[in-house]
């Protein structure tokens, strides 16, 4: 882009929904809610923990916290020894069925990622942070990104860990997002498509992948240094 601007992949979103609201919106029984004392999250970054909704084998849905980013082992180019793994938090739609890193999760482990807004950064020194959301009732109507998940067990951050990990599916941008990020945007699912994403065949799920309609979205706020969408917390500015 001209003027020294660059667009970054989606690396920041918010979920300020109350836990009970998430259970109701995503049809999760209380017995399958593993969040514990869930606090509003006005800023979720890669490697952070945030709620996701998945499907049990009996068709019921669960709600759990997941580490945002599939863990990719890495080794030092100098020593050949393992180093801190990389967290891959975005899964391109055109790689879901061709990359061995994503394929099995897309086929067998799709999830919903609850959200109330997401951010794309435009430019640098200083960057402008643009917070997008969907139209509806209230200051930050809730929605869900299309996601995939898998379990991780191994050394992470210098300690042995077992955790659920998630990655967010990205697709081509609509007209609203394109000015900030001309290449990609996270895939937002319409509520009527939640079941098909979770329960459908890989072909049926893949058929859902498209940019969310621009006229069903809006910009909540934009400006320098806005690395948190605290406007979604009501009176908290």
C-alpha atoms as a PDB file:
ATOM      1  CA  UNK A   1       0.000   0.000   0.000  1.00  0.00           C
ATOM      2  CA  UNK A   2       1.128   3.587  -0.607  1.00  0.00           C
ATOM      3  CA  UNK A   3       2.388   5.972   2.040  1.00  0.00           C
ATOM      4  CA  UNK A   4       4.282   3.298   3.969  1.00  0.00           C
ATOM      5  CA  UNK A   5       1.066   1.627   5.124  1.00  0.00           C
ATOM      6  CA  UNK A   6       0.809  -2.087   5.592  1.00  0.00           C
ATOM      7  CA  UNK A   7      -2.030  -4.357   6.609  1.00  0.00           C
ATOM      8  CA  UNK A   8      -1.610  -7.013   9.286  1.00  0.00           C
ATOM      9  CA  UNK A   9      -3.456 -10.303   9.553  1.00  0.00           C
ATOM     10  CA  UNK A  10      -6.155 -10.495  12.201  1.00  0.00           C
ATOM     11  CA  UNK A  11      -4.197 -10.712  15.451  1.00  0.00           C
ATOM     12  CA  UNK A  12      -6.606  -9.056  17.868  1.00  0.00           C
ATOM     13  CA  UNK A  13     -10.267  -9.458  18.737  1.00  0.00           C
ATOM     14  CA  UNK A  14     -12.609  -9.081  21.708  1.00  0.00           C
ATOM     15  CA  UNK A  15     -15.241 -11.171  23.439  1.00  0.00           C
ATOM     16  CA  UNK A  16     -17.056  -9.231  26.144  1.00  0.00           C
ATOM     17  CA  UNK A  17     -20.073 -11.570  26.265  1.00  0.00           C
ATOM     18  CA  UNK A  18     -21.156 -12.914  29.639  1.00  0.00           C
ATOM     19  CA  UNK A  19     -20.790 -16.666  30.028  1.00  0.00           C
ATOM     20  CA  UNK A  20     -24.549 -17.232  30.320  1.00  0.00           C
ATOM     21  CA  UNK A  21     -25.096 -15.249  27.122  1.00  0.00           C
ATOM     22  CA  UNK A  22     -22.576 -17.431  25.302  1.00  0.00           C
ATOM     23  CA  UNK A  23     -24.259 -20.613  26.502  1.00  0.00           C
ATOM     24  CA  UNK A  24     -27.626 -19.348  25.311  1.00  0.00           C
ATOM     25  CA  UNK A  25     -26.440 -18.013  21.963  1.00  0.00           C
ATOM     26  CA  UNK A  26     -24.466 -21.133  21.069  1.00  0.00           C
ATOM     27  CA  UNK A  27     -26.838 -23.705  22.616  1.00  0.00           C
ATOM     28  CA  UNK A  28     -24.412 -25.116  25.192  1.00  0.00           C
ATOM     29  CA  UNK A  29     -25.815 -26.921  28.249  1.00  0.00           C
ATOM     30  CA  UNK A  30     -24.430 -25.872  31.635  1.00  0.00           C
ATOM     31  CA  UNK A  31     -22.961 -29.347  32.116  1.00  0.00           C
ATOM     32  CA  UNK A  32     -20.726 -28.858  29.068  1.00  0.00           C
ATOM     33  CA  UNK A  33     -19.496 -25.410  30.109  1.00  0.00           C
ATOM     34  CA  UNK A  34     -15.849 -25.630  31.098  1.00  0.00           C
ATOM     35  CA  UNK A  35     -15.056 -21.914  31.309  1.00  0.00           C
ATOM     36  CA  UNK A  36     -15.223 -21.467  35.068  1.00  0.00           C
ATOM     37  CA  UNK A  37     -15.297 -17.801  36.098  1.00  0.00           C
ATOM     38  CA  UNK A  38     -15.197 -16.203  32.653  1.00  0.00           C
ATOM     39  CA  UNK A  39     -14.329 -12.511  32.577  1.00  0.00           C
ATOM     40  CA  UNK A  40     -15.033 -10.109  29.675  1.00  0.00           C
ATOM     41  CA  UNK A  41     -12.091 -10.059  27.265  1.00  0.00           C
ATOM     42  CA  UNK A  42     -11.782  -6.668  25.518  1.00  0.00           C
ATOM     43  CA  UNK A  43      -8.417  -7.624  23.958  1.00  0.00           C
ATOM     44  CA  UNK A  44      -7.506 -11.162  22.872  1.00  0.00           C
ATOM     45  CA  UNK A  45      -4.074 -11.582  21.297  1.00  0.00           C
ATOM     46  CA  UNK A  46      -2.379 -14.651  19.784  1.00  0.00           C
ATOM     47  CA  UNK A  47      -1.274 -17.111  22.499  1.00  0.00           C
ATOM     48  CA  UNK A  48      -4.071 -15.828  24.731  1.00  0.00           C
ATOM     49  CA  UNK A  49      -6.809 -18.034  26.172  1.00  0.00           C
ATOM     50  CA  UNK A  50     -10.374 -17.421  24.984  1.00  0.00           C
ATOM     51  CA  UNK A  51     -13.657 -19.366  24.687  1.00  0.00           C
ATOM     52  CA  UNK A  52     -14.475 -21.633  21.754  1.00  0.00           C
ATOM     53  CA  UNK A  53     -17.532 -23.800  21.067  1.00  0.00           C
ATOM     54  CA  UNK A  54     -17.098 -27.346  19.782  1.00  0.00           C
ATOM     55  CA  UNK A  55     -19.215 -30.428  19.212  1.00  0.00           C
ATOM     56  CA  UNK A  56     -19.227 -33.703  21.137  1.00  0.00           C
ATOM     57  CA  UNK A  57     -19.668 -37.028  19.375  1.00  0.00           C
ATOM     58  CA  UNK A  58     -23.279 -37.203  20.579  1.00  0.00           C
ATOM     59  CA  UNK A  59     -24.059 -33.887  18.890  1.00  0.00           C
ATOM     60  CA  UNK A  60     -24.093 -31.759  22.045  1.00  0.00           C
ATOM     61  CA  UNK A  61     -21.905 -28.674  22.208  1.00  0.00           C
ATOM     62  CA  UNK A  62     -19.157 -27.762  24.657  1.00  0.00           C
ATOM     63  CA  UNK A  63     -17.665 -24.436  25.704  1.00  0.00           C
ATOM     64  CA  UNK A  64     -13.989 -24.350  26.664  1.00  0.00           C
ATOM     65  CA  UNK A  65     -11.079 -21.952  26.821  1.00  0.00           C
ATOM     66  CA  UNK A  66      -8.516 -22.481  24.090  1.00  0.00           C
ATOM     67  CA  UNK A  67      -5.039 -21.140  23.373  1.00  0.00           C
ATOM     68  CA  UNK A  68      -5.363 -18.927  20.289  1.00  0.00           C
ATOM     69  CA  UNK A  69      -2.910 -20.438  17.851  1.00  0.00           C
ATOM     70  CA  UNK A  70      -2.039 -23.955  16.731  1.00  0.00           C
ATOM     71  CA  UNK A  71       1.354 -24.867  18.127  1.00  0.00           C
ATOM     72  CA  UNK A  72       4.016 -25.332  15.444  1.00  0.00           C
ATOM     73  CA  UNK A  73       7.298 -26.839  16.720  1.00  0.00           C
ATOM     74  CA  UNK A  74      10.445 -24.989  15.702  1.00  0.00           C
ATOM     75  CA  UNK A  75      14.156 -25.701  15.840  1.00  0.00           C
ATOM     76  CA  UNK A  76      17.088 -23.333  15.930  1.00  0.00           C
ATOM     77  CA  UNK A  77      18.731 -22.760  12.542  1.00  0.00           C
ATOM     78  CA  UNK A  78      22.066 -22.480  14.323  1.00  0.00           C
ATOM     79  CA  UNK A  79      21.963 -25.434  16.713  1.00  0.00           C
ATOM     80  CA  UNK A  80      19.194 -27.645  15.365  1.00  0.00           C
ATOM     81  CA  UNK A  81      17.758 -27.816  18.873  1.00  0.00           C
ATOM     82  CA  UNK A  82      14.074 -27.207  19.693  1.00  0.00           C
ATOM     83  CA  UNK A  83      13.137 -23.613  20.477  1.00  0.00           C
ATOM     84  CA  UNK A  84       9.910 -21.928  21.565  1.00  0.00           C
ATOM     85  CA  UNK A  85       7.111 -23.196  19.295  1.00  0.00           C
ATOM     86  CA  UNK A  86       5.228 -20.787  17.057  1.00  0.00           C
ATOM     87  CA  UNK A  87       1.497 -20.131  17.563  1.00  0.00           C
ATOM     88  CA  UNK A  88      -0.312 -20.054  14.199  1.00  0.00           C
ATOM     89  CA  UNK A  89      -3.569 -18.221  14.859  1.00  0.00           C
ATOM     90  CA  UNK A  90      -4.934 -17.758  11.324  1.00  0.00           C
ATOM     91  CA  UNK A  91      -5.866 -20.536   8.887  1.00  0.00           C
ATOM     92  CA  UNK A  92      -6.278 -19.394   5.283  1.00  0.00           C
ATOM     93  CA  UNK A  93      -9.392 -20.769   3.615  1.00  0.00           C
ATOM     94  CA  UNK A  94      -7.404 -21.780   0.513  1.00  0.00           C
ATOM     95  CA  UNK A  95      -5.084 -23.933   2.675  1.00  0.00           C
ATOM     96  CA  UNK A  96      -7.670 -25.770   4.781  1.00  0.00           C
ATOM     97  CA  UNK A  97      -7.957 -28.732   2.429  1.00  0.00           C
ATOM     98  CA  UNK A  98      -4.473 -28.752   0.912  1.00  0.00           C
ATOM     99  CA  UNK A  99      -2.156 -28.288   3.907  1.00  0.00           C
ATOM    100  CA  UNK A 100      -1.463 -31.218   6.219  1.00  0.00           C
ATOM    101  CA  UNK A 101      -1.135 -28.672   9.050  1.00  0.00           C
ATOM    102  CA  UNK A 102      -4.848 -27.788   8.797  1.00  0.00           C
ATOM    103  CA  UNK A 103      -6.634 -30.565   6.891  1.00  0.00           C
ATOM    104  CA  UNK A 104      -7.525 -33.026   9.642  1.00  0.00           C
ATOM    105  CA  UNK A 105      -8.723 -30.313  11.993  1.00  0.00           C
ATOM    106  CA  UNK A 106     -10.913 -28.818   9.270  1.00  0.00           C
ATOM    107  CA  UNK A 107     -12.377 -32.216   8.465  1.00  0.00           C
ATOM    108  CA  UNK A 108     -12.956 -33.353  12.056  1.00  0.00           C
ATOM    109  CA  UNK A 109     -12.565 -30.485  14.557  1.00  0.00           C
ATOM    110  CA  UNK A 110     -14.362 -27.317  13.542  1.00  0.00           C
ATOM    111  CA  UNK A 111     -15.421 -24.801  16.193  1.00  0.00           C
ATOM    112  CA  UNK A 112     -17.099 -21.458  16.723  1.00  0.00           C
ATOM    113  CA  UNK A 113     -15.044 -18.612  18.180  1.00  0.00           C
ATOM    114  CA  UNK A 114     -17.338 -16.212  20.087  1.00  0.00           C
ATOM    115  CA  UNK A 115     -16.556 -12.533  19.575  1.00  0.00           C
ATOM    116  CA  UNK A 116     -17.940  -9.026  19.908  1.00  0.00           C
ATOM    117  CA  UNK A 117     -15.443  -7.219  17.632  1.00  0.00           C
ATOM    118  CA  UNK A 118     -12.143  -7.656  15.823  1.00  0.00           C
ATOM    119  CA  UNK A 119      -9.297  -5.330  14.993  1.00  0.00           C
ATOM    120  CA  UNK A 120      -7.103  -4.746  11.981  1.00  0.00           C
ATOM    121  CA  UNK A 121      -4.099  -2.431  12.189  1.00  0.00           C
ATOM    122  CA  UNK A 122      -3.410  -0.040   9.332  1.00  0.00           C
ATOM    123  CA  UNK A 123      -0.031   1.597   8.946  1.00  0.00           C
ATOM    124  CA  UNK A 124       2.688   1.897  11.546  1.00  0.00           C
ATOM    125  CA  UNK A 125       4.576   4.430  13.660  1.00  0.00           C
ATOM    126  CA  UNK A 126       1.821   5.024  14.671  1.00  0.00           C
ATOM    127  CA  UNK A 127      -0.664   2.429  13.501  1.00  0.00           C
ATOM    128  CA  UNK A 128      -4.386   3.089  13.261  1.00  0.00           C
ATOM    129  CA  UNK A 129      -6.409   0.361  14.973  1.00  0.00           C
ATOM    130  CA  UNK A 130      -9.772  -0.232  13.315  1.00  0.00           C
ATOM    131  CA  UNK A 131     -12.353  -2.232  15.289  1.00  0.00           C
ATOM    132  CA  UNK A 132     -15.036  -3.991  13.245  1.00  0.00           C
ATOM    133  CA  UNK A 133     -18.257  -5.664  14.349  1.00  0.00           C
ATOM    134  CA  UNK A 134     -21.660  -6.777  13.140  1.00  0.00           C
ATOM    135  CA  UNK A 135     -24.901  -4.815  13.078  1.00  0.00           C
ATOM    136  CA  UNK A 136     -27.608  -5.678  15.587  1.00  0.00           C
ATOM    137  CA  UNK A 137     -28.972  -4.769  18.982  1.00  0.00           C
ATOM    138  CA  UNK A 138     -26.752  -3.269  21.659  1.00  0.00           C
ATOM    139  CA  UNK A 139     -23.334  -1.583  21.507  1.00  0.00           C
ATOM    140  CA  UNK A 140     -21.434  -4.767  20.571  1.00  0.00           C
ATOM    141  CA  UNK A 141     -23.752  -7.424  19.088  1.00  0.00           C
ATOM    142  CA  UNK A 142     -22.190 -10.888  19.519  1.00  0.00           C
ATOM    143  CA  UNK A 143     -21.160 -13.128  16.646  1.00  0.00           C
ATOM    144  CA  UNK A 144     -18.892 -16.084  15.902  1.00  0.00           C
ATOM    145  CA  UNK A 145     -15.854 -16.651  13.724  1.00  0.00           C
ATOM    146  CA  UNK A 146     -15.356 -19.935  11.917  1.00  0.00           C
ATOM    147  CA  UNK A 147     -12.568 -21.807  13.660  1.00  0.00           C
ATOM    148  CA  UNK A 148     -10.801 -25.127  13.952  1.00  0.00           C
ATOM    149  CA  UNK A 149      -9.225 -26.747  17.006  1.00  0.00           C
ATOM    150  CA  UNK A 150      -6.846 -29.462  18.108  1.00  0.00           C
ATOM    151  CA  UNK A 151      -5.252 -30.667  21.314  1.00  0.00           C
ATOM    152  CA  UNK A 152      -1.616 -29.997  22.126  1.00  0.00           C
ATOM    153  CA  UNK A 153       0.623 -31.876  24.540  1.00  0.00           C
ATOM    154  CA  UNK A 154       4.291 -31.064  24.910  1.00  0.00           C
ATOM    155  CA  UNK A 155       6.839 -28.484  25.986  1.00  0.00           C
ATOM    156  CA  UNK A 156       5.564 -24.944  25.654  1.00  0.00           C
ATOM    157  CA  UNK A 157       7.082 -21.905  27.300  1.00  0.00           C
ATOM    158  CA  UNK A 158       9.621 -24.056  29.076  1.00  0.00           C
ATOM    159  CA  UNK A 159       7.095 -26.343  30.736  1.00  0.00           C
ATOM    160  CA  UNK A 160       5.081 -29.456  29.910  1.00  0.00           C
ATOM    161  CA  UNK A 161       1.534 -28.484  28.966  1.00  0.00           C
ATOM    162  CA  UNK A 162      -1.701 -30.045  27.779  1.00  0.00           C
ATOM    163  CA  UNK A 163      -4.131 -27.606  26.226  1.00  0.00           C
ATOM    164  CA  UNK A 164      -6.778 -27.015  23.619  1.00  0.00           C
ATOM    165  CA  UNK A 165      -5.645 -24.793  20.750  1.00  0.00           C
ATOM    166  CA  UNK A 166      -7.665 -22.952  18.114  1.00  0.00           C
ATOM    167  CA  UNK A 167      -7.102 -21.113  14.865  1.00  0.00           C
ATOM    168  CA  UNK A 168      -9.355 -18.635  13.076  1.00  0.00           C
ATOM    169  CA  UNK A 169     -10.320 -19.175   9.427  1.00  0.00           C
ATOM    170  CA  UNK A 170      -9.613 -16.197   7.170  1.00  0.00           C
ATOM    171  CA  UNK A 171     -10.997 -15.428   3.730  1.00  0.00           C
ATOM    172  CA  UNK A 172     -11.020 -12.583   1.205  1.00  0.00           C
ATOM    173  CA  UNK A 173     -12.104  -9.196   2.596  1.00  0.00           C
ATOM    174  CA  UNK A 174     -15.398  -7.450   1.917  1.00  0.00           C
ATOM    175  CA  UNK A 175     -15.632  -3.802   0.847  1.00  0.00           C
ATOM    176  CA  UNK A 176     -15.702  -2.510   4.439  1.00  0.00           C
ATOM    177  CA  UNK A 177     -12.581  -4.348   5.615  1.00  0.00           C
ATOM    178  CA  UNK A 178     -10.612  -4.084   2.370  1.00  0.00           C
ATOM    179  CA  UNK A 179      -9.512  -0.478   2.937  1.00  0.00           C
ATOM    180  CA  UNK A 180      -7.765  -1.546   6.148  1.00  0.00           C
ATOM    181  CA  UNK A 181      -6.712  -5.057   5.137  1.00  0.00           C
ATOM    182  CA  UNK A 182      -6.714  -5.573   1.352  1.00  0.00           C
ATOM    183  CA  UNK A 183      -5.868  -9.275   1.473  1.00  0.00           C
ATOM    184  CA  UNK A 184      -7.744 -11.133   4.237  1.00  0.00           C
ATOM    185  CA  UNK A 185     -10.468 -10.916   6.873  1.00  0.00           C
ATOM    186  CA  UNK A 186     -11.642 -13.392   9.521  1.00  0.00           C
ATOM    187  CA  UNK A 187     -14.570 -15.521   8.420  1.00  0.00           C
ATOM    188  CA  UNK A 188     -17.726 -14.506  10.291  1.00  0.00           C
ATOM    189  CA  UNK A 189     -20.541 -17.051  10.338  1.00  0.00           C
ATOM    190  CA  UNK A 190     -24.213 -16.131  10.173  1.00  0.00           C
ATOM    191  CA  UNK A 191     -26.135 -17.641  13.136  1.00  0.00           C
ATOM    192  CA  UNK A 192     -28.162 -19.862  10.819  1.00  0.00           C
ATOM    193  CA  UNK A 193     -24.873 -21.437   9.649  1.00  0.00           C
ATOM    194  CA  UNK A 194     -23.457 -22.378  13.056  1.00  0.00           C
ATOM    195  CA  UNK A 195     -24.841 -25.924  12.930  1.00  0.00           C
ATOM    196  CA  UNK A 196     -23.607 -26.544   9.382  1.00  0.00           C
ATOM    197  CA  UNK A 197     -20.096 -25.411  10.293  1.00  0.00           C
ATOM    198  CA  UNK A 198     -19.984 -27.641  13.362  1.00  0.00           C
ATOM    199  CA  UNK A 199     -21.890 -30.668  12.099  1.00  0.00           C
ATOM    200  CA  UNK A 200     -21.733 -30.645   8.301  1.00  0.00           C
ATOM    201  CA  UNK A 201     -19.452 -32.624   6.052  1.00  0.00           C
ATOM    202  CA  UNK A 202     -16.189 -30.981   4.986  1.00  0.00           C
ATOM    203  CA  UNK A 203     -17.830 -30.094   1.662  1.00  0.00           C
ATOM    204  CA  UNK A 204     -20.836 -28.560   3.424  1.00  0.00           C
ATOM    205  CA  UNK A 205     -18.592 -26.574   5.760  1.00  0.00           C
ATOM    206  CA  UNK A 206     -16.364 -25.394   2.927  1.00  0.00           C
ATOM    207  CA  UNK A 207     -19.422 -24.142   1.024  1.00  0.00           C
ATOM    208  CA  UNK A 208     -19.970 -21.615   3.826  1.00  0.00           C
ATOM    209  CA  UNK A 209     -16.636 -19.890   3.330  1.00  0.00           C
ATOM    210  CA  UNK A 210     -17.122 -16.376   1.950  1.00  0.00           C
ATOM    211  CA  UNK A 211     -16.694 -12.788   3.140  1.00  0.00           C
ATOM    212  CA  UNK A 212     -19.383 -11.625   5.543  1.00  0.00           C
ATOM    213  CA  UNK A 213     -21.629  -9.059   3.863  1.00  0.00           C
ATOM    214  CA  UNK A 214     -20.265  -5.542   4.282  1.00  0.00           C
ATOM    215  CA  UNK A 215     -23.713  -4.024   4.831  1.00  0.00           C
ATOM    216  CA  UNK A 216     -24.175  -6.318   7.853  1.00  0.00           C
ATOM    217  CA  UNK A 217     -21.003  -4.912   9.473  1.00  0.00           C
ATOM    218  CA  UNK A 218     -19.811  -1.599  10.873  1.00  0.00           C
ATOM    219  CA  UNK A 219     -16.721   0.055  12.356  1.00  0.00           C
ATOM    220  CA  UNK A 220     -17.090   0.511  16.106  1.00  0.00           C
ATOM    221  CA  UNK A 221     -14.067   2.747  16.559  1.00  0.00           C
ATOM    222  CA  UNK A 222     -10.682   3.543  15.061  1.00  0.00           C
ATOM    223  CA  UNK A 223      -7.640   5.470  16.157  1.00  0.00           C
ATOM    224  CA  UNK A 224      -4.060   5.298  17.356  1.00  0.00           C
ATOM    225  CA  UNK A 225      -3.232   3.019  20.257  1.00  0.00           C
ATOM    226  CA  UNK A 226      -6.637   1.315  20.435  1.00  0.00           C
ATOM    227  CA  UNK A 227      -5.337  -2.127  21.324  1.00  0.00           C
ATOM    228  CA  UNK A 228      -8.439  -2.930  23.382  1.00  0.00           C
ATOM    229  CA  UNK A 229     -12.133  -2.596  22.544  1.00  0.00           C
ATOM    230  CA  UNK A 230     -13.205  -1.469  25.981  1.00  0.00           C
ATOM    231  CA  UNK A 231     -16.219   0.221  24.410  1.00  0.00           C
ATOM    232  CA  UNK A 232     -17.782  -3.213  24.509  1.00  0.00           C
ATOM    233  CA  UNK A 233     -17.787  -3.066  28.317  1.00  0.00           C
ATOM    234  CA  UNK A 234     -20.613  -0.549  28.495  1.00  0.00           C
ATOM    235  CA  UNK A 235     -19.658   2.357  30.742  1.00  0.00           C
ATOM    236  CA  UNK A 236     -15.967   1.512  30.694  1.00  0.00           C
ATOM    237  CA  UNK A 237     -14.263   3.848  28.219  1.00  0.00           C
END
